[in-house]
């Protein structure tokens, strides 16, 4: 019979391992859910001029080539029509905000699909005007805070958290199980 002497390590280590594993299960939601709340998608019909109030930050301009906007369905090729001119102007000082065109990304969700046009970097919060001009059929564009760096950072954090959770948790369980088993065996034999 095992005596009532306390076995070391304690069962609290199992709780720590369980907390790590549960943290690994919840981490994706905790890390990526805020990205979907990062700012509203501002949609507008083009060609035309549209006023927007923006916070400081980077924004991606999208061509919503398949979408429903204000009750009208829009479907066009994903490539921009020839001759499209896009620019952003600060209403405060009249300066143009340059648009950079890095790599192109696409996004599809349900019955909507969009393709990135370019990125604007807004240094100060305020009112801005986006002008999209050219000779083409009405289409829909949208503007949204840039997500790439946040998603990439989230993936790096998630890799670290998941590594700790899914390697550390089971490793703690295994080590504690072996040490407790050895301690119980030593107690039975009266080795201490």
N, C-alpha and C. Protein backbone atom coordinates (compact mmCIF):
# COMPACT_ATOMS: atom_id res chain seq x y z
N UNK A 1 0.84 -1.18 0.00
CA UNK A 1 0.00 0.00 0.00
C UNK A 1 0.88 1.25 0.00
N UNK A 2 0.48 2.24 -0.79
CA UNK A 2 1.22 3.49 -0.88
C UNK A 2 0.90 4.33 0.33
N UNK A 3 1.95 4.86 0.99
CA UNK A 3 1.68 5.69 2.16
C UNK A 3 1.17 7.05 1.74
N UNK A 4 0.75 7.83 2.68
CA UNK A 4 0.10 9.11 2.41
C UNK A 4 1.11 10.23 2.14
N UNK A 5 2.38 9.90 2.01
CA UNK A 5 3.37 10.93 1.73
C UNK A 5 3.10 11.55 0.35
N UNK A 6 3.29 12.84 0.28
CA UNK A 6 2.98 13.57 -0.95
C UNK A 6 3.93 13.14 -2.07
N UNK A 7 3.33 12.90 -3.25
CA UNK A 7 4.10 12.51 -4.43
C UNK A 7 4.51 13.78 -5.16
N UNK A 8 5.77 13.81 -5.57
CA UNK A 8 6.27 14.98 -6.29
C UNK A 8 6.71 14.53 -7.67
N UNK A 9 6.45 15.25 -8.71
CA UNK A 9 5.78 16.54 -8.79
C UNK A 9 4.26 16.40 -8.59
N UNK A 10 3.65 17.50 -8.19
CA UNK A 10 2.22 17.49 -7.89
C UNK A 10 1.34 17.45 -9.13
N UNK A 11 0.05 17.21 -8.89
CA UNK A 11 -0.91 17.13 -10.00
C UNK A 11 -1.18 18.50 -10.63
N UNK A 12 -0.75 19.56 -9.99
CA UNK A 12 -0.91 20.90 -10.57
C UNK A 12 -0.23 21.02 -11.93
N UNK A 13 0.83 20.22 -12.13
CA UNK A 13 1.51 20.24 -13.43
C UNK A 13 0.59 19.73 -14.54
N UNK A 14 -0.30 18.78 -14.22
CA UNK A 14 -1.27 18.32 -15.22
C UNK A 14 -2.21 19.46 -15.61
N UNK A 15 -2.57 20.26 -14.62
CA UNK A 15 -3.45 21.41 -14.91
C UNK A 15 -2.74 22.42 -15.81
N UNK A 16 -1.45 22.63 -15.55
CA UNK A 16 -0.67 23.53 -16.41
C UNK A 16 -0.64 23.01 -17.84
N UNK A 17 -0.39 21.72 -18.01
CA UNK A 17 -0.35 21.12 -19.35
C UNK A 17 -1.71 21.26 -20.03
N UNK A 18 -2.78 21.01 -19.28
CA UNK A 18 -4.13 21.14 -19.84
C UNK A 18 -4.41 22.59 -20.25
N UNK A 19 -3.95 23.54 -19.45
CA UNK A 19 -4.13 24.96 -19.78
C UNK A 19 -3.37 25.31 -21.06
N UNK A 20 -2.16 24.78 -21.21
CA UNK A 20 -1.38 25.03 -22.43
C UNK A 20 -2.10 24.48 -23.66
N UNK A 21 -2.61 23.26 -23.55
CA UNK A 21 -3.31 22.64 -24.67
C UNK A 21 -4.60 23.40 -25.00
N UNK A 22 -5.35 23.81 -23.97
CA UNK A 22 -6.56 24.61 -24.20
C UNK A 22 -6.20 25.95 -24.83
N UNK A 23 -5.11 26.55 -24.37
CA UNK A 23 -4.64 27.80 -24.98
C UNK A 23 -4.32 27.62 -26.45
N UNK A 24 -3.76 26.47 -26.78
CA UNK A 24 -3.48 26.15 -28.18
C UNK A 24 -4.73 26.03 -29.01
N UNK A 25 -5.80 25.54 -28.40
CA UNK A 25 -7.08 25.43 -29.11
C UNK A 25 -7.73 26.79 -29.32
N UNK A 26 -7.59 27.67 -28.34
CA UNK A 26 -8.26 28.97 -28.39
C UNK A 26 -7.42 30.05 -29.08
N UNK A 27 -6.13 29.84 -29.19
CA UNK A 27 -5.24 30.86 -29.75
C UNK A 27 -5.62 31.34 -31.14
N UNK A 28 -5.98 30.45 -32.08
CA UNK A 28 -6.33 30.96 -33.42
C UNK A 28 -7.49 31.97 -33.39
N UNK A 29 -8.48 31.69 -32.58
CA UNK A 29 -9.62 32.61 -32.48
C UNK A 29 -9.18 33.92 -31.86
N UNK A 30 -8.42 33.84 -30.78
CA UNK A 30 -7.98 35.05 -30.08
C UNK A 30 -7.04 35.91 -30.94
N UNK A 31 -6.26 35.28 -31.79
CA UNK A 31 -5.30 36.02 -32.60
C UNK A 31 -5.94 36.58 -33.87
N UNK A 32 -6.79 35.80 -34.53
CA UNK A 32 -7.31 36.23 -35.82
C UNK A 32 -8.67 36.93 -35.78
N UNK A 33 -9.47 36.73 -34.74
CA UNK A 33 -10.77 37.40 -34.67
C UNK A 33 -10.64 38.92 -34.72
N UNK A 34 -9.69 39.54 -34.02
CA UNK A 34 -9.56 41.00 -34.11
C UNK A 34 -9.27 41.51 -35.52
N UNK A 35 -8.68 40.68 -36.36
CA UNK A 35 -8.40 41.12 -37.73
C UNK A 35 -9.68 41.38 -38.51
N UNK A 36 -10.73 40.64 -38.19
CA UNK A 36 -11.99 40.83 -38.90
C UNK A 36 -12.75 42.04 -38.39
N UNK A 37 -12.28 42.62 -37.32
CA UNK A 37 -12.89 43.81 -36.76
C UNK A 37 -12.00 45.03 -36.94
N UNK A 38 -11.06 44.95 -37.86
CA UNK A 38 -10.04 45.99 -37.98
C UNK A 38 -10.52 47.26 -38.66
N UNK A 39 -11.67 47.27 -39.16
CA UNK A 39 -12.17 48.48 -39.80
C UNK A 39 -13.19 48.12 -40.85
N UNK A 40 -14.11 49.00 -41.08
CA UNK A 40 -15.17 48.69 -42.03
C UNK A 40 -14.66 48.76 -43.47
N UNK A 41 -15.32 48.02 -44.30
CA UNK A 41 -15.07 48.06 -45.72
C UNK A 41 -15.94 49.18 -46.28
N UNK A 42 -15.31 50.16 -46.92
CA UNK A 42 -16.03 51.29 -47.49
C UNK A 42 -16.20 51.02 -48.99
N UNK A 43 -17.43 50.76 -49.41
CA UNK A 43 -17.70 50.50 -50.82
C UNK A 43 -18.24 51.75 -51.50
N UNK A 44 -17.92 51.91 -52.79
CA UNK A 44 -18.44 53.04 -53.55
C UNK A 44 -18.44 52.70 -55.03
N UNK A 45 -19.38 53.33 -55.76
CA UNK A 45 -19.49 53.11 -57.20
C UNK A 45 -18.47 53.99 -57.92
N UNK A 46 -17.93 53.46 -59.01
CA UNK A 46 -16.99 54.20 -59.85
C UNK A 46 -17.42 54.06 -61.30
N UNK A 47 -17.09 54.96 -62.20
CA UNK A 47 -16.24 56.12 -61.97
C UNK A 47 -16.95 57.17 -61.12
N UNK A 48 -16.14 57.98 -60.45
CA UNK A 48 -16.69 59.03 -59.63
C UNK A 48 -15.73 59.43 -58.53
N UNK A 49 -16.21 60.37 -57.70
CA UNK A 49 -15.44 60.90 -56.59
C UNK A 49 -16.17 60.56 -55.31
N UNK A 50 -15.44 60.07 -54.32
CA UNK A 50 -16.05 59.63 -53.07
C UNK A 50 -15.27 60.18 -51.88
N UNK A 51 -15.96 60.80 -50.93
CA UNK A 51 -15.33 61.33 -49.72
C UNK A 51 -15.33 60.24 -48.65
N UNK A 52 -14.20 60.11 -47.96
CA UNK A 52 -14.07 59.13 -46.88
C UNK A 52 -13.33 59.76 -45.70
N UNK A 53 -13.74 59.39 -44.49
CA UNK A 53 -13.03 59.80 -43.28
C UNK A 53 -12.15 58.64 -42.86
N UNK A 54 -10.84 58.88 -42.74
CA UNK A 54 -9.89 57.80 -42.45
C UNK A 54 -9.05 58.12 -41.23
N UNK A 55 -8.66 57.05 -40.53
CA UNK A 55 -7.67 57.15 -39.47
C UNK A 55 -6.30 57.00 -40.12
N UNK A 56 -5.26 57.37 -39.40
CA UNK A 56 -3.91 57.17 -39.92
C UNK A 56 -3.65 55.68 -40.09
N UNK A 57 -2.98 55.31 -41.16
CA UNK A 57 -2.67 53.90 -41.40
C UNK A 57 -2.60 53.59 -42.88
N UNK A 58 -2.42 52.33 -43.17
CA UNK A 58 -2.35 51.88 -44.55
C UNK A 58 -3.70 51.31 -44.97
N UNK A 59 -4.10 51.62 -46.20
CA UNK A 59 -5.38 51.18 -46.73
C UNK A 59 -5.18 50.53 -48.09
N UNK A 60 -5.94 49.48 -48.34
CA UNK A 60 -5.89 48.80 -49.63
C UNK A 60 -7.15 49.17 -50.40
N UNK A 61 -6.96 49.56 -51.65
CA UNK A 61 -8.06 49.85 -52.56
C UNK A 61 -8.35 48.57 -53.34
N UNK A 62 -9.61 48.17 -53.36
CA UNK A 62 -10.03 46.92 -53.99
C UNK A 62 -10.95 47.19 -55.17
N UNK A 63 -10.86 46.36 -56.18
CA UNK A 63 -11.81 46.34 -57.30
C UNK A 63 -12.76 45.19 -57.00
N UNK A 64 -13.98 45.52 -56.58
CA UNK A 64 -14.99 44.50 -56.25
C UNK A 64 -15.65 44.06 -57.55
N UNK A 65 -15.01 43.16 -58.27
CA UNK A 65 -15.49 42.81 -59.60
C UNK A 65 -16.74 41.95 -59.59
N UNK A 66 -17.02 41.27 -58.49
CA UNK A 66 -18.27 40.52 -58.34
C UNK A 66 -18.84 40.87 -56.98
N UNK A 67 -19.96 41.59 -56.98
CA UNK A 67 -20.53 42.02 -55.71
C UNK A 67 -21.96 42.53 -55.90
N UNK A 68 -22.64 42.72 -54.79
CA UNK A 68 -23.93 43.39 -54.78
C UNK A 68 -23.73 44.67 -53.98
N UNK A 69 -24.05 45.80 -54.60
CA UNK A 69 -23.88 47.09 -53.95
C UNK A 69 -25.15 47.91 -54.12
N UNK A 70 -25.73 48.32 -53.01
CA UNK A 70 -26.96 49.10 -52.99
C UNK A 70 -28.04 48.47 -53.86
N UNK A 71 -28.19 47.15 -53.71
CA UNK A 71 -29.25 46.42 -54.41
C UNK A 71 -28.97 46.08 -55.85
N UNK A 72 -27.81 46.45 -56.38
CA UNK A 72 -27.47 46.16 -57.76
C UNK A 72 -26.33 45.15 -57.80
N UNK A 73 -26.47 44.16 -58.67
CA UNK A 73 -25.42 43.15 -58.83
C UNK A 73 -24.42 43.63 -59.87
N UNK A 74 -23.14 43.56 -59.53
CA UNK A 74 -22.06 43.94 -60.43
C UNK A 74 -21.21 42.71 -60.70
N UNK A 75 -20.95 42.45 -61.98
CA UNK A 75 -20.08 41.34 -62.37
C UNK A 75 -19.25 41.80 -63.56
N UNK A 76 -17.95 41.80 -63.38
CA UNK A 76 -17.04 42.23 -64.44
C UNK A 76 -15.77 41.41 -64.33
N UNK A 77 -14.91 41.47 -65.36
CA UNK A 77 -13.64 40.75 -65.26
C UNK A 77 -12.83 41.28 -64.06
N UNK A 78 -11.97 40.43 -63.52
CA UNK A 78 -11.18 40.83 -62.35
C UNK A 78 -10.12 41.88 -62.69
N UNK A 79 -9.68 41.91 -63.94
CA UNK A 79 -8.70 42.93 -64.34
C UNK A 79 -9.40 44.27 -64.50
N UNK A 80 -8.69 45.33 -64.16
CA UNK A 80 -9.26 46.67 -64.31
C UNK A 80 -9.45 47.02 -65.78
N UNK A 81 -10.49 47.79 -66.08
CA UNK A 81 -10.66 48.23 -67.45
C UNK A 81 -9.49 49.13 -67.87
N UNK A 82 -9.23 49.20 -69.15
CA UNK A 82 -8.15 50.05 -69.66
C UNK A 82 -8.45 51.52 -69.35
N UNK A 83 -7.44 52.26 -69.00
CA UNK A 83 -7.58 53.69 -68.79
C UNK A 83 -8.10 54.13 -67.43
N UNK A 84 -8.16 53.24 -66.48
CA UNK A 84 -8.62 53.62 -65.14
C UNK A 84 -7.56 54.48 -64.46
N UNK A 85 -7.98 55.61 -63.95
CA UNK A 85 -7.09 56.51 -63.20
C UNK A 85 -7.61 56.59 -61.77
N UNK A 86 -6.72 56.37 -60.80
CA UNK A 86 -7.11 56.38 -59.40
C UNK A 86 -6.19 57.31 -58.63
N UNK A 87 -6.79 58.16 -57.77
CA UNK A 87 -5.95 59.00 -56.91
C UNK A 87 -6.72 59.37 -55.64
N UNK A 88 -5.94 59.67 -54.60
CA UNK A 88 -6.50 60.08 -53.31
C UNK A 88 -5.95 61.45 -52.96
N UNK A 89 -6.83 62.28 -52.43
CA UNK A 89 -6.49 63.66 -52.11
C UNK A 89 -6.89 63.95 -50.67
N UNK A 90 -6.01 64.59 -49.91
CA UNK A 90 -6.33 65.03 -48.56
C UNK A 90 -7.14 66.32 -48.65
N UNK A 91 -8.30 66.34 -48.01
CA UNK A 91 -9.12 67.55 -48.05
C UNK A 91 -8.54 68.64 -47.16
N UNK A 92 -7.72 68.27 -46.18
CA UNK A 92 -7.15 69.25 -45.25
C UNK A 92 -6.11 70.14 -45.93
N UNK A 93 -5.20 69.54 -46.68
CA UNK A 93 -4.12 70.34 -47.28
C UNK A 93 -4.06 70.27 -48.80
N UNK A 94 -4.95 69.50 -49.41
CA UNK A 94 -4.99 69.43 -50.86
C UNK A 94 -3.91 68.57 -51.50
N UNK A 95 -3.12 67.88 -50.69
CA UNK A 95 -2.03 67.06 -51.23
C UNK A 95 -2.55 65.70 -51.69
N UNK A 96 -1.93 65.22 -52.76
CA UNK A 96 -2.27 63.88 -53.25
C UNK A 96 -1.50 62.84 -52.45
N UNK A 97 -2.17 61.74 -52.15
CA UNK A 97 -1.54 60.63 -51.45
C UNK A 97 -1.15 59.62 -52.52
N UNK A 98 0.13 59.31 -52.65
CA UNK A 98 0.54 58.36 -53.71
C UNK A 98 0.02 56.95 -53.43
N UNK A 99 -0.33 56.27 -54.49
CA UNK A 99 -0.78 54.88 -54.38
C UNK A 99 0.37 53.99 -54.81
N UNK A 100 0.70 53.02 -53.97
CA UNK A 100 1.72 52.04 -54.34
C UNK A 100 1.02 50.77 -54.80
N UNK A 101 1.59 50.13 -55.77
CA UNK A 101 0.99 48.89 -56.26
C UNK A 101 2.01 47.78 -56.08
N UNK A 102 1.87 47.08 -54.98
CA UNK A 102 2.76 45.95 -54.70
C UNK A 102 2.20 44.71 -55.37
N UNK A 103 2.25 43.61 -54.67
CA UNK A 103 1.71 42.38 -55.23
C UNK A 103 0.18 42.45 -55.19
N UNK A 104 -0.44 41.74 -56.11
CA UNK A 104 -1.89 41.72 -56.22
C UNK A 104 -2.43 40.57 -55.38
N UNK A 105 -3.48 40.86 -54.64
CA UNK A 105 -4.13 39.80 -53.88
C UNK A 105 -5.61 39.76 -54.26
N UNK A 106 -6.20 38.60 -54.08
CA UNK A 106 -7.61 38.43 -54.37
C UNK A 106 -8.31 37.90 -53.13
N UNK A 107 -9.58 38.18 -53.05
CA UNK A 107 -10.38 37.75 -51.91
C UNK A 107 -11.76 37.38 -52.41
N UNK A 108 -12.21 36.19 -52.07
CA UNK A 108 -13.55 35.74 -52.44
C UNK A 108 -14.28 35.29 -51.19
N UNK A 109 -15.54 35.66 -51.11
CA UNK A 109 -16.36 35.27 -49.97
C UNK A 109 -17.81 35.21 -50.43
N UNK A 110 -18.39 34.03 -50.39
CA UNK A 110 -19.78 33.89 -50.82
C UNK A 110 -19.92 34.28 -52.27
N UNK A 111 -20.82 35.23 -52.53
CA UNK A 111 -21.07 35.67 -53.90
C UNK A 111 -20.28 36.93 -54.27
N UNK A 112 -19.26 37.25 -53.52
CA UNK A 112 -18.47 38.44 -53.84
C UNK A 112 -17.01 38.06 -54.04
N UNK A 113 -16.36 38.84 -54.91
CA UNK A 113 -14.94 38.62 -55.17
C UNK A 113 -14.31 39.98 -55.46
N UNK A 114 -13.09 40.16 -54.95
CA UNK A 114 -12.39 41.43 -55.17
C UNK A 114 -10.92 41.17 -55.42
N UNK A 115 -10.31 42.14 -56.07
CA UNK A 115 -8.88 42.07 -56.38
C UNK A 115 -8.25 43.41 -56.00
N UNK A 116 -7.10 43.35 -55.36
CA UNK A 116 -6.46 44.59 -54.91
C UNK A 116 -5.96 45.41 -56.09
N UNK A 117 -6.11 46.73 -55.94
CA UNK A 117 -5.67 47.68 -56.95
C UNK A 117 -4.35 48.32 -56.52
N UNK A 118 -4.28 48.71 -55.25
CA UNK A 118 -3.09 49.37 -54.73
C UNK A 118 -3.27 49.71 -53.27
N UNK A 119 -2.24 50.37 -52.72
CA UNK A 119 -2.25 50.69 -51.29
C UNK A 119 -1.93 52.16 -51.10
N UNK A 120 -2.68 52.79 -50.18
CA UNK A 120 -2.44 54.18 -49.79
C UNK A 120 -1.94 54.20 -48.36
N UNK A 121 -0.98 55.05 -48.07
CA UNK A 121 -0.48 55.22 -46.71
C UNK A 121 -0.91 56.61 -46.23
N UNK A 122 -1.85 56.62 -45.27
CA UNK A 122 -2.41 57.86 -44.75
C UNK A 122 -1.67 58.20 -43.46
N UNK A 123 -0.97 59.34 -43.43
CA UNK A 123 -0.15 59.70 -42.27
C UNK A 123 -0.95 60.38 -41.15
N UNK A 124 -2.03 61.06 -41.50
CA UNK A 124 -2.84 61.72 -40.47
C UNK A 124 -4.32 61.44 -40.70
N UNK A 125 -5.03 61.32 -39.61
CA UNK A 125 -6.47 61.09 -39.70
C UNK A 125 -7.13 62.32 -40.30
N UNK A 126 -8.21 62.10 -41.04
CA UNK A 126 -8.92 63.23 -41.62
C UNK A 126 -9.82 62.80 -42.75
N UNK A 127 -10.29 63.80 -43.49
CA UNK A 127 -11.18 63.56 -44.62
C UNK A 127 -10.37 63.52 -45.91
N UNK A 128 -10.67 62.53 -46.73
CA UNK A 128 -9.96 62.32 -47.98
C UNK A 128 -10.97 62.12 -49.10
N UNK A 129 -10.53 62.33 -50.32
CA UNK A 129 -11.35 62.10 -51.50
C UNK A 129 -10.64 61.09 -52.37
N UNK A 130 -11.39 60.07 -52.77
CA UNK A 130 -10.86 59.08 -53.71
C UNK A 130 -11.55 59.32 -55.05
N UNK A 131 -10.76 59.50 -56.06
CA UNK A 131 -11.29 59.75 -57.39
C UNK A 131 -10.86 58.61 -58.31
N UNK A 132 -11.85 57.98 -58.93
CA UNK A 132 -11.59 56.93 -59.90
C UNK A 132 -12.24 57.39 -61.20
N UNK A 133 -11.42 57.57 -62.23
CA UNK A 133 -11.95 58.10 -63.49
C UNK A 133 -11.54 57.22 -64.66
N UNK A 134 -12.25 57.40 -65.76
CA UNK A 134 -11.98 56.66 -66.98
C UNK A 134 -13.27 56.39 -67.73
N UNK A 135 -13.14 55.86 -68.92
CA UNK A 135 -14.30 55.53 -69.75
C UNK A 135 -14.58 54.03 -69.62
N UNK A 136 -15.42 53.66 -68.65
CA UNK A 136 -15.77 52.26 -68.44
C UNK A 136 -17.14 52.18 -67.80
N UNK A 137 -17.74 51.01 -67.88
CA UNK A 137 -19.07 50.78 -67.29
C UNK A 137 -18.98 50.91 -65.77
N UNK A 138 -20.07 51.30 -65.12
CA UNK A 138 -20.06 51.42 -63.66
C UNK A 138 -19.60 50.13 -62.98
N UNK A 139 -18.76 50.30 -61.98
CA UNK A 139 -18.24 49.19 -61.21
C UNK A 139 -18.19 49.60 -59.75
N UNK A 140 -17.71 48.70 -58.90
CA UNK A 140 -17.62 48.98 -57.47
C UNK A 140 -16.18 48.81 -57.00
N UNK A 141 -15.71 49.79 -56.23
CA UNK A 141 -14.42 49.72 -55.57
C UNK A 141 -14.68 49.74 -54.07
N UNK A 142 -13.69 49.35 -53.31
CA UNK A 142 -13.81 49.44 -51.85
C UNK A 142 -12.45 49.77 -51.26
N UNK A 143 -12.49 50.28 -50.05
CA UNK A 143 -11.28 50.67 -49.33
C UNK A 143 -11.35 50.04 -47.95
N UNK A 144 -10.24 49.46 -47.53
CA UNK A 144 -10.21 48.80 -46.22
C UNK A 144 -8.81 48.90 -45.65
N UNK A 145 -8.70 48.97 -44.31
CA UNK A 145 -7.35 48.96 -43.71
C UNK A 145 -6.56 47.73 -44.16
N UNK A 146 -5.27 47.93 -44.41
CA UNK A 146 -4.39 46.84 -44.85
C UNK A 146 -4.32 45.77 -43.77
N UNK A 147 -4.33 44.52 -44.19
CA UNK A 147 -4.33 43.39 -43.28
C UNK A 147 -3.07 42.54 -43.33
N UNK A 148 -2.29 42.63 -44.39
CA UNK A 148 -1.20 41.68 -44.61
C UNK A 148 -0.23 41.60 -43.44
N UNK A 149 0.29 42.74 -42.98
CA UNK A 149 1.28 42.69 -41.90
C UNK A 149 0.67 42.15 -40.62
N UNK A 150 -0.61 42.45 -40.38
CA UNK A 150 -1.28 41.92 -39.19
C UNK A 150 -1.47 40.41 -39.29
N UNK A 151 -1.85 39.94 -40.47
CA UNK A 151 -2.04 38.50 -40.66
C UNK A 151 -0.69 37.79 -40.55
N UNK A 152 0.34 38.33 -41.17
CA UNK A 152 1.67 37.71 -41.11
C UNK A 152 2.17 37.67 -39.67
N UNK A 153 2.02 38.79 -38.94
CA UNK A 153 2.41 38.82 -37.53
C UNK A 153 1.61 37.83 -36.72
N UNK A 154 0.32 37.73 -37.01
CA UNK A 154 -0.54 36.78 -36.30
C UNK A 154 -0.11 35.34 -36.54
N UNK A 155 0.31 35.05 -37.76
CA UNK A 155 0.78 33.70 -38.08
C UNK A 155 2.05 33.39 -37.29
N UNK A 156 2.97 34.34 -37.20
CA UNK A 156 4.20 34.11 -36.44
C UNK A 156 3.90 33.88 -34.96
N UNK A 157 3.02 34.70 -34.40
CA UNK A 157 2.65 34.53 -32.99
C UNK A 157 1.96 33.18 -32.81
N UNK A 158 1.07 32.83 -33.74
CA UNK A 158 0.35 31.57 -33.65
C UNK A 158 1.30 30.38 -33.72
N UNK A 159 2.32 30.45 -34.59
CA UNK A 159 3.29 29.35 -34.66
C UNK A 159 4.00 29.15 -33.33
N UNK A 160 4.39 30.27 -32.69
CA UNK A 160 5.05 30.16 -31.39
C UNK A 160 4.10 29.58 -30.34
N UNK A 161 2.89 30.14 -30.25
CA UNK A 161 1.92 29.69 -29.24
C UNK A 161 1.56 28.23 -29.44
N UNK A 162 1.32 27.84 -30.70
CA UNK A 162 0.96 26.45 -30.96
C UNK A 162 2.12 25.50 -30.67
N UNK A 163 3.34 25.94 -30.95
CA UNK A 163 4.50 25.09 -30.63
C UNK A 163 4.60 24.85 -29.13
N UNK A 164 4.44 25.92 -28.36
CA UNK A 164 4.49 25.78 -26.90
C UNK A 164 3.35 24.89 -26.42
N UNK A 165 2.16 25.12 -26.96
CA UNK A 165 0.98 24.37 -26.51
C UNK A 165 1.05 22.90 -26.86
N UNK A 166 1.36 22.60 -28.12
CA UNK A 166 1.27 21.21 -28.58
C UNK A 166 2.54 20.40 -28.38
N UNK A 167 3.63 21.07 -28.08
CA UNK A 167 4.85 20.33 -27.70
C UNK A 167 5.01 20.38 -26.20
N UNK A 168 4.88 21.58 -25.63
CA UNK A 168 5.07 21.75 -24.19
C UNK A 168 4.04 21.02 -23.35
N UNK A 169 2.76 21.11 -23.73
CA UNK A 169 1.70 20.46 -22.95
C UNK A 169 1.90 18.97 -22.82
N UNK A 170 1.97 18.24 -23.94
CA UNK A 170 2.20 16.79 -23.84
C UNK A 170 3.53 16.42 -23.20
N UNK A 171 4.57 17.24 -23.42
CA UNK A 171 5.86 16.97 -22.81
C UNK A 171 5.78 17.08 -21.29
N UNK A 172 5.08 18.09 -20.80
CA UNK A 172 4.88 18.24 -19.35
C UNK A 172 4.14 17.02 -18.81
N UNK A 173 3.07 16.61 -19.50
CA UNK A 173 2.30 15.44 -19.05
C UNK A 173 3.20 14.21 -18.99
N UNK A 174 3.99 13.99 -20.02
CA UNK A 174 4.86 12.81 -20.06
C UNK A 174 5.90 12.84 -18.94
N UNK A 175 6.57 13.96 -18.76
CA UNK A 175 7.61 14.07 -17.72
C UNK A 175 7.00 13.89 -16.33
N UNK A 176 5.88 14.56 -16.08
CA UNK A 176 5.24 14.46 -14.76
C UNK A 176 4.75 13.04 -14.52
N UNK A 177 4.16 12.42 -15.53
CA UNK A 177 3.69 11.05 -15.40
C UNK A 177 4.83 10.10 -15.04
N UNK A 178 5.97 10.24 -15.74
CA UNK A 178 7.12 9.38 -15.47
C UNK A 178 7.69 9.64 -14.07
N UNK A 179 7.83 10.91 -13.68
CA UNK A 179 8.38 11.23 -12.36
C UNK A 179 7.45 10.78 -11.25
N UNK A 180 6.16 10.98 -11.43
CA UNK A 180 5.20 10.54 -10.41
C UNK A 180 5.17 9.02 -10.31
N UNK A 181 5.28 8.34 -11.44
CA UNK A 181 5.30 6.87 -11.44
C UNK A 181 6.53 6.37 -10.69
N UNK A 182 7.68 6.99 -10.97
CA UNK A 182 8.91 6.61 -10.29
C UNK A 182 8.80 6.88 -8.79
N UNK A 183 8.23 8.05 -8.41
CA UNK A 183 8.10 8.40 -7.00
C UNK A 183 7.18 7.43 -6.28
N UNK A 184 6.08 7.01 -6.95
CA UNK A 184 5.17 6.04 -6.33
C UNK A 184 5.86 4.69 -6.15
N UNK A 185 6.64 4.30 -7.15
CA UNK A 185 7.34 3.04 -7.07
C UNK A 185 8.38 3.07 -5.92
N UNK A 186 9.08 4.20 -5.79
CA UNK A 186 10.05 4.33 -4.71
C UNK A 186 9.36 4.30 -3.36
N UNK A 187 8.19 4.90 -3.25
CA UNK A 187 7.43 4.87 -2.00
C UNK A 187 7.05 3.45 -1.64
N UNK A 188 6.60 2.70 -2.65
CA UNK A 188 6.20 1.31 -2.41
C UNK A 188 7.37 0.46 -1.90
N UNK A 189 8.53 0.74 -2.45
CA UNK A 189 9.71 -0.04 -2.08
C UNK A 189 10.41 0.53 -0.85
N UNK A 190 9.98 1.69 -0.42
CA UNK A 190 10.60 2.33 0.74
C UNK A 190 12.00 2.81 0.49
N UNK A 191 12.28 3.23 -0.74
CA UNK A 191 13.63 3.63 -1.13
C UNK A 191 14.01 4.97 -0.49
N UNK A 192 13.11 5.83 -0.24
CA UNK A 192 13.42 7.17 0.26
C UNK A 192 13.98 7.05 1.60
